[in-house]
Amino acid sequence: MYISIIEERNALLLQLPFADGGLPTYSRPFLVIKKDNGYLNLLNVSSVFKKEKKLFYPSNKLIDPAHHYPPFRKSSFVKMDIIYRVVDSVNLENFIMDSGGKLHSEAFDNIIQAFNDYEGKEYFEVDEVLLGEYNAIH
């Protein structure tokens, strides 16, 4: 049986489809917000740079600027409207950001509180085969 080293508060740099089905040509950061029976629930993270107006969207939550690093080097926010759900696998360990550095617990708790209060969220399950195809180890 596989025992995952990925934990809540870790960040993963993954190439996952957009919720509308399109696929980005680049990897994006995701925050692990929950481990659930062999699955990881992830929120997409984006830097604030040139997207300051998006902080006013109710679906977005600024990560405490005093505590965003590790694992996010730039001031960032989480997008709470889509919860990406992926199978936890040994392959994903290769995509842990910042050598496993975790988001500060206070910043994480603030995100979880805002996430629990936000009502417009949807789950987006990423097929395990697709996940492996787009995040292959080279």
N, C-alpha and C. Protein backbone atom coordinates (compact mmCIF):
# COMPACT_ATOMS: atom_id res chain seq x y z
N MET A 1 0.84 -1.19 0.00
CA MET A 1 0.00 0.00 0.00
C MET A 1 0.88 1.24 0.00
N TYR A 2 0.51 2.21 -0.82
CA TYR A 2 1.25 3.46 -0.96
C TYR A 2 0.98 4.39 0.22
N ILE A 3 2.05 4.89 0.84
CA ILE A 3 1.93 5.88 1.92
C ILE A 3 2.46 7.21 1.36
N SER A 4 1.59 8.17 1.23
CA SER A 4 1.93 9.45 0.63
C SER A 4 2.72 10.34 1.58
N ILE A 5 3.69 11.06 1.03
CA ILE A 5 4.40 12.07 1.82
C ILE A 5 3.77 13.45 1.64
N ILE A 6 2.84 13.56 0.70
CA ILE A 6 2.17 14.83 0.45
C ILE A 6 1.18 15.08 1.59
N GLU A 7 1.21 16.31 2.09
CA GLU A 7 0.36 16.67 3.23
C GLU A 7 -0.41 17.95 2.94
N GLU A 8 -1.44 18.18 3.72
CA GLU A 8 -2.12 19.46 3.66
C GLU A 8 -1.09 20.56 3.90
N ARG A 9 -1.27 21.69 3.22
CA ARG A 9 -0.38 22.86 3.29
C ARG A 9 0.80 22.75 2.33
N ASN A 10 1.03 21.57 1.71
CA ASN A 10 2.04 21.48 0.65
C ASN A 10 1.48 22.13 -0.60
N ALA A 11 2.36 22.49 -1.50
CA ALA A 11 1.96 23.00 -2.81
C ALA A 11 2.56 22.09 -3.88
N LEU A 12 1.80 21.91 -4.96
CA LEU A 12 2.23 21.09 -6.08
C LEU A 12 2.22 21.95 -7.34
N LEU A 13 3.23 21.78 -8.17
CA LEU A 13 3.31 22.50 -9.45
C LEU A 13 2.91 21.51 -10.54
N LEU A 14 1.67 21.64 -11.02
CA LEU A 14 1.09 20.65 -11.92
C LEU A 14 0.49 21.29 -13.16
N GLN A 15 0.43 20.51 -14.21
CA GLN A 15 -0.29 20.91 -15.40
C GLN A 15 -1.63 20.18 -15.36
N LEU A 16 -2.65 20.90 -14.95
CA LEU A 16 -4.01 20.36 -14.84
C LEU A 16 -4.92 21.13 -15.79
N PRO A 17 -5.95 20.46 -16.29
CA PRO A 17 -6.89 21.16 -17.18
C PRO A 17 -7.56 22.32 -16.45
N PHE A 18 -7.93 23.32 -17.21
CA PHE A 18 -8.79 24.36 -16.66
C PHE A 18 -10.15 23.73 -16.42
N ALA A 19 -10.95 24.31 -15.58
CA ALA A 19 -12.25 23.75 -15.25
C ALA A 19 -13.16 23.69 -16.48
N ASP A 20 -12.90 24.54 -17.48
CA ASP A 20 -13.72 24.49 -18.70
C ASP A 20 -13.24 23.40 -19.67
N GLY A 21 -12.21 22.65 -19.27
CA GLY A 21 -11.72 21.54 -20.09
C GLY A 21 -10.47 21.85 -20.89
N GLY A 22 -10.16 23.12 -21.08
CA GLY A 22 -8.95 23.49 -21.81
C GLY A 22 -7.70 23.12 -21.02
N LEU A 23 -6.61 22.91 -21.72
CA LEU A 23 -5.37 22.53 -21.05
C LEU A 23 -4.33 23.64 -21.20
N PRO A 24 -3.79 24.12 -20.09
CA PRO A 24 -2.74 25.13 -20.19
C PRO A 24 -1.46 24.49 -20.74
N THR A 25 -0.62 25.32 -21.31
CA THR A 25 0.66 24.84 -21.84
C THR A 25 1.76 24.96 -20.80
N TYR A 26 1.39 25.22 -19.59
CA TYR A 26 2.35 25.44 -18.51
C TYR A 26 1.82 24.83 -17.22
N SER A 27 2.70 24.63 -16.28
CA SER A 27 2.30 24.13 -14.95
C SER A 27 1.86 25.28 -14.08
N ARG A 28 0.93 25.00 -13.18
CA ARG A 28 0.41 26.01 -12.26
C ARG A 28 0.51 25.48 -10.83
N PRO A 29 0.66 26.39 -9.86
CA PRO A 29 0.72 25.93 -8.45
C PRO A 29 -0.67 25.63 -7.89
N PHE A 30 -0.71 24.58 -7.06
CA PHE A 30 -1.94 24.17 -6.39
C PHE A 30 -1.62 23.91 -4.92
N LEU A 31 -2.51 24.34 -4.06
CA LEU A 31 -2.37 24.14 -2.62
C LEU A 31 -3.19 22.92 -2.21
N VAL A 32 -2.57 22.01 -1.48
CA VAL A 32 -3.28 20.84 -0.96
C VAL A 32 -4.07 21.30 0.26
N ILE A 33 -5.41 21.22 0.14
CA ILE A 33 -6.24 21.66 1.27
C ILE A 33 -6.84 20.49 2.04
N LYS A 34 -6.81 19.29 1.42
CA LYS A 34 -7.37 18.14 2.13
C LYS A 34 -6.88 16.85 1.48
N LYS A 35 -6.62 15.86 2.34
CA LYS A 35 -6.37 14.49 1.90
C LYS A 35 -7.61 13.70 2.27
N ASP A 36 -8.12 12.92 1.29
CA ASP A 36 -9.41 12.29 1.51
C ASP A 36 -9.46 10.92 0.82
N ASN A 37 -9.24 9.85 1.57
CA ASN A 37 -9.37 8.48 1.06
C ASN A 37 -8.63 8.24 -0.25
N GLY A 38 -7.36 8.59 -0.29
CA GLY A 38 -6.55 8.35 -1.48
C GLY A 38 -6.63 9.45 -2.52
N TYR A 39 -7.32 10.51 -2.20
CA TYR A 39 -7.43 11.66 -3.10
C TYR A 39 -6.86 12.90 -2.42
N LEU A 40 -6.46 13.86 -3.25
CA LEU A 40 -6.05 15.17 -2.76
C LEU A 40 -7.04 16.20 -3.30
N ASN A 41 -7.46 17.11 -2.45
CA ASN A 41 -8.26 18.25 -2.88
C ASN A 41 -7.32 19.44 -2.97
N LEU A 42 -7.33 20.09 -4.12
CA LEU A 42 -6.38 21.16 -4.41
C LEU A 42 -7.11 22.44 -4.81
N LEU A 43 -6.51 23.57 -4.45
CA LEU A 43 -6.98 24.86 -4.94
C LEU A 43 -5.88 25.48 -5.80
N ASN A 44 -6.29 26.05 -6.91
CA ASN A 44 -5.34 26.74 -7.79
C ASN A 44 -4.86 28.01 -7.10
N VAL A 45 -3.58 28.29 -7.25
CA VAL A 45 -2.95 29.47 -6.66
C VAL A 45 -2.42 30.34 -7.79
N SER A 46 -2.58 31.62 -7.66
CA SER A 46 -2.10 32.55 -8.68
C SER A 46 -1.39 33.71 -8.00
N SER A 47 -0.38 34.25 -8.69
CA SER A 47 0.31 35.41 -8.11
C SER A 47 -0.58 36.64 -8.26
N VAL A 48 -0.39 37.58 -7.37
CA VAL A 48 -1.19 38.80 -7.36
C VAL A 48 -0.73 39.75 -8.47
N PHE A 49 0.52 39.67 -8.87
CA PHE A 49 1.12 40.60 -9.83
C PHE A 49 0.25 40.76 -11.08
N LYS A 50 -0.17 41.99 -11.34
CA LYS A 50 -1.01 42.38 -12.47
C LYS A 50 -2.41 41.77 -12.42
N LYS A 51 -2.79 41.24 -11.26
CA LYS A 51 -4.14 40.66 -11.10
C LYS A 51 -4.78 41.18 -9.82
N GLU A 52 -4.35 42.34 -9.37
CA GLU A 52 -4.83 42.88 -8.11
C GLU A 52 -6.35 42.99 -8.06
N LYS A 53 -6.98 43.32 -9.20
CA LYS A 53 -8.44 43.47 -9.22
C LYS A 53 -9.16 42.16 -8.91
N LYS A 54 -8.50 41.04 -9.18
CA LYS A 54 -9.12 39.74 -8.91
C LYS A 54 -9.26 39.46 -7.42
N LEU A 55 -8.55 40.22 -6.60
CA LEU A 55 -8.68 40.04 -5.15
C LEU A 55 -10.05 40.48 -4.64
N PHE A 56 -10.77 41.24 -5.46
CA PHE A 56 -12.11 41.68 -5.06
C PHE A 56 -13.18 40.65 -5.40
N TYR A 57 -12.85 39.62 -6.14
CA TYR A 57 -13.81 38.56 -6.45
C TYR A 57 -14.06 37.74 -5.18
N PRO A 58 -15.30 37.45 -4.87
CA PRO A 58 -15.57 36.67 -3.66
C PRO A 58 -14.98 35.26 -3.69
N SER A 59 -14.66 34.77 -4.88
CA SER A 59 -14.11 33.41 -5.00
C SER A 59 -12.61 33.36 -4.74
N ASN A 60 -11.98 34.51 -4.59
CA ASN A 60 -10.54 34.56 -4.39
C ASN A 60 -10.17 35.02 -2.99
N LYS A 61 -9.12 34.43 -2.44
CA LYS A 61 -8.67 34.75 -1.08
C LYS A 61 -7.17 35.00 -1.11
N LEU A 62 -6.78 36.21 -0.70
CA LEU A 62 -5.37 36.55 -0.60
C LEU A 62 -4.70 35.69 0.47
N ILE A 63 -3.56 35.14 0.13
CA ILE A 63 -2.76 34.42 1.12
C ILE A 63 -2.02 35.47 1.93
N ASP A 64 -2.09 35.39 3.22
CA ASP A 64 -1.46 36.38 4.11
C ASP A 64 -0.07 36.73 3.59
N PRO A 65 0.15 37.99 3.20
CA PRO A 65 1.45 38.38 2.63
C PRO A 65 2.64 38.12 3.56
N ALA A 66 2.40 38.09 4.86
CA ALA A 66 3.49 37.81 5.80
C ALA A 66 3.83 36.32 5.85
N HIS A 67 2.96 35.48 5.26
CA HIS A 67 3.14 34.03 5.41
C HIS A 67 3.01 33.23 4.11
N HIS A 68 3.12 33.87 2.95
CA HIS A 68 2.93 33.11 1.71
C HIS A 68 4.14 32.26 1.34
N TYR A 69 5.32 32.59 1.88
CA TYR A 69 6.52 31.81 1.58
C TYR A 69 7.07 31.17 2.84
N PRO A 70 7.35 29.89 2.86
CA PRO A 70 7.11 28.95 1.77
C PRO A 70 5.62 28.63 1.66
N PRO A 71 5.20 28.05 0.61
CA PRO A 71 5.90 27.60 -0.59
C PRO A 71 5.80 28.56 -1.78
N PHE A 72 5.04 29.65 -1.64
CA PHE A 72 4.82 30.56 -2.78
C PHE A 72 5.75 31.76 -2.66
N ARG A 73 6.63 31.92 -3.62
CA ARG A 73 7.66 32.97 -3.56
C ARG A 73 7.09 34.37 -3.75
N LYS A 74 5.99 34.47 -4.48
CA LYS A 74 5.38 35.77 -4.75
C LYS A 74 4.07 35.90 -3.98
N SER A 75 3.66 37.13 -3.74
CA SER A 75 2.36 37.37 -3.13
C SER A 75 1.30 36.69 -3.99
N SER A 76 0.43 35.90 -3.36
CA SER A 76 -0.48 35.04 -4.11
C SER A 76 -1.86 34.99 -3.49
N PHE A 77 -2.79 34.45 -4.28
CA PHE A 77 -4.14 34.21 -3.79
C PHE A 77 -4.61 32.84 -4.26
N VAL A 78 -5.58 32.27 -3.54
CA VAL A 78 -6.18 31.00 -3.93
C VAL A 78 -7.52 31.28 -4.59
N LYS A 79 -7.86 30.41 -5.52
CA LYS A 79 -9.14 30.48 -6.22
C LYS A 79 -10.03 29.40 -5.61
N MET A 80 -11.06 29.81 -4.90
CA MET A 80 -11.86 28.87 -4.12
C MET A 80 -13.06 28.29 -4.86
N ASP A 81 -13.31 28.73 -6.09
CA ASP A 81 -14.51 28.28 -6.79
C ASP A 81 -14.41 26.86 -7.35
N ILE A 82 -13.19 26.40 -7.65
CA ILE A 82 -13.00 25.06 -8.20
C ILE A 82 -12.06 24.28 -7.29
N ILE A 83 -12.51 23.13 -6.84
CA ILE A 83 -11.68 22.21 -6.05
C ILE A 83 -11.23 21.12 -7.01
N TYR A 84 -9.95 21.09 -7.29
CA TYR A 84 -9.40 20.03 -8.13
C TYR A 84 -9.21 18.79 -7.26
N ARG A 85 -9.72 17.67 -7.73
CA ARG A 85 -9.62 16.42 -6.99
C ARG A 85 -8.81 15.45 -7.82
N VAL A 86 -7.67 15.02 -7.27
CA VAL A 86 -6.76 14.12 -7.98
C VAL A 86 -6.41 12.93 -7.10
N VAL A 87 -6.11 11.82 -7.74
CA VAL A 87 -5.66 10.63 -7.02
C VAL A 87 -4.27 10.91 -6.47
N ASP A 88 -4.08 10.64 -5.21
CA ASP A 88 -2.76 10.79 -4.57
C ASP A 88 -1.89 9.63 -5.04
N SER A 89 -0.74 9.96 -5.63
CA SER A 89 0.13 8.90 -6.14
C SER A 89 1.59 9.27 -5.92
N VAL A 90 2.44 8.27 -5.97
CA VAL A 90 3.87 8.48 -5.76
C VAL A 90 4.43 9.44 -6.81
N ASN A 91 3.88 9.43 -8.01
CA ASN A 91 4.35 10.33 -9.06
C ASN A 91 4.20 11.80 -8.66
N LEU A 92 3.15 12.12 -7.92
CA LEU A 92 2.91 13.52 -7.54
C LEU A 92 3.99 14.06 -6.59
N GLU A 93 4.68 13.16 -5.92
CA GLU A 93 5.74 13.61 -5.00
C GLU A 93 6.83 14.38 -5.75
N ASN A 94 6.98 14.13 -7.04
CA ASN A 94 7.98 14.83 -7.85
C ASN A 94 7.60 16.27 -8.15
N PHE A 95 6.40 16.65 -7.81
CA PHE A 95 5.91 17.98 -8.14
C PHE A 95 5.67 18.85 -6.90
N ILE A 96 6.15 18.39 -5.75
CA ILE A 96 6.02 19.18 -4.52
C ILE A 96 6.92 20.41 -4.65
N MET A 97 6.36 21.57 -4.37
CA MET A 97 7.10 22.83 -4.48
C MET A 97 7.94 23.09 -3.23
N ASP A 98 8.96 23.88 -3.42
CA ASP A 98 9.79 24.40 -2.34
C ASP A 98 10.32 23.29 -1.42
N SER A 99 10.75 22.20 -2.00
CA SER A 99 11.34 21.07 -1.25
C SER A 99 10.46 20.60 -0.10
N GLY A 100 9.17 20.73 -0.28
CA GLY A 100 8.23 20.26 0.74
C GLY A 100 7.85 21.30 1.77
N GLY A 101 8.34 22.52 1.61
CA GLY A 101 7.96 23.59 2.54
C GLY A 101 6.45 23.78 2.53
N LYS A 102 5.89 23.95 3.70
CA LYS A 102 4.44 24.07 3.82
C LYS A 102 4.04 25.51 4.09
N LEU A 103 2.84 25.83 3.64
CA LEU A 103 2.26 27.12 3.93
C LEU A 103 2.09 27.25 5.45
N HIS A 104 2.36 28.42 5.97
CA HIS A 104 2.22 28.70 7.41
C HIS A 104 0.81 28.30 7.86
N SER A 105 0.73 27.69 9.02
CA SER A 105 -0.55 27.17 9.50
C SER A 105 -1.60 28.27 9.68
N GLU A 106 -1.19 29.47 10.10
CA GLU A 106 -2.16 30.56 10.28
C GLU A 106 -2.75 30.98 8.93
N ALA A 107 -1.90 31.10 7.91
CA ALA A 107 -2.37 31.45 6.58
C ALA A 107 -3.29 30.36 6.04
N PHE A 108 -2.91 29.11 6.28
CA PHE A 108 -3.73 27.97 5.83
C PHE A 108 -5.09 27.98 6.52
N ASP A 109 -5.11 28.18 7.82
CA ASP A 109 -6.37 28.21 8.57
C ASP A 109 -7.29 29.32 8.06
N ASN A 110 -6.72 30.48 7.71
CA ASN A 110 -7.52 31.58 7.16
C ASN A 110 -8.13 31.20 5.82
N ILE A 111 -7.36 30.48 5.00
CA ILE A 111 -7.87 30.03 3.70
C ILE A 111 -9.00 29.02 3.91
N ILE A 112 -8.80 28.08 4.80
CA ILE A 112 -9.82 27.05 5.05
C ILE A 112 -11.10 27.68 5.59
N GLN A 113 -10.97 28.66 6.45
CA GLN A 113 -12.16 29.34 6.97
C GLN A 113 -12.91 30.04 5.84
N ALA A 114 -12.18 30.76 4.99
CA ALA A 114 -12.82 31.44 3.86
C ALA A 114 -13.41 30.43 2.89
N PHE A 115 -12.70 29.34 2.66
CA PHE A 115 -13.17 28.28 1.78
C PHE A 115 -14.48 27.67 2.29
N ASN A 116 -14.53 27.39 3.57
CA ASN A 116 -15.75 26.81 4.16
C ASN A 116 -16.93 27.77 4.08
N ASP A 117 -16.65 29.07 4.14
CA ASP A 117 -17.71 30.08 4.06
C ASP A 117 -18.16 30.35 2.62
N TYR A 118 -17.30 30.06 1.66
CA TYR A 118 -17.62 30.34 0.25
C TYR A 118 -18.58 29.28 -0.28
N GLU A 119 -19.68 29.72 -0.89
CA GLU A 119 -20.73 28.79 -1.28
C GLU A 119 -20.73 28.42 -2.76
N GLY A 120 -19.95 29.07 -3.59
CA GLY A 120 -20.02 28.83 -5.02
C GLY A 120 -19.02 27.83 -5.56
N LYS A 121 -18.56 26.91 -4.73
CA LYS A 121 -17.49 26.00 -5.17
C LYS A 121 -18.04 24.75 -5.86
N GLU A 122 -17.21 24.22 -6.77
CA GLU A 122 -17.54 23.00 -7.48
C GLU A 122 -16.32 22.10 -7.49
N TYR A 123 -16.56 20.79 -7.54
CA TYR A 123 -15.46 19.83 -7.64
C TYR A 123 -15.17 19.55 -9.11
N PHE A 124 -13.89 19.41 -9.41
CA PHE A 124 -13.44 19.06 -10.76
C PHE A 124 -12.45 17.91 -10.60
N GLU A 125 -12.92 16.70 -10.91
CA GLU A 125 -12.08 15.52 -10.74
C GLU A 125 -11.24 15.32 -11.99
N VAL A 126 -9.92 15.18 -11.78
CA VAL A 126 -9.00 15.00 -12.89
C VAL A 126 -8.71 13.51 -13.02
N ASP A 127 -8.97 12.98 -14.20
CA ASP A 127 -8.74 11.57 -14.49
C ASP A 127 -7.27 11.21 -14.24
N GLU A 128 -7.05 10.07 -13.60
CA GLU A 128 -5.70 9.64 -13.24
C GLU A 128 -4.79 9.47 -14.46
N VAL A 129 -5.32 8.95 -15.55
CA VAL A 129 -4.53 8.76 -16.77
C VAL A 129 -4.12 10.11 -17.33
N LEU A 130 -5.07 11.04 -17.42
CA LEU A 130 -4.78 12.39 -17.91
C LEU A 130 -3.76 13.08 -17.01
N LEU A 131 -3.91 12.91 -15.72
CA LEU A 131 -2.97 13.50 -14.76
C LEU A 131 -1.55 13.00 -15.04
N GLY A 132 -1.40 11.70 -15.26
CA GLY A 132 -0.09 11.13 -15.55
C GLY A 132 0.47 11.56 -16.89
N GLU A 133 -0.39 11.68 -17.89
CA GLU A 133 0.07 12.08 -19.23
C GLU A 133 0.64 13.48 -19.23
N TYR A 134 -0.03 14.39 -18.57
CA TYR A 134 0.39 15.79 -18.60
C TYR A 134 1.43 16.14 -17.54
N ASN A 135 1.69 15.22 -16.64
CA ASN A 135 2.67 15.48 -15.58
C ASN A 135 3.67 14.33 -15.51
N ALA A 136 4.17 13.93 -16.66
CA ALA A 136 5.13 12.83 -16.74
C ALA A 136 6.50 13.30 -16.25
N ILE A 137 7.23 12.37 -15.68
CA ILE A 137 8.61 12.65 -15.24
C ILE A 137 9.51 12.46 -16.45
N HIS A 138 10.31 13.45 -16.75
CA HIS A 138 11.23 13.35 -17.91
C HIS A 138 12.63 13.06 -17.45
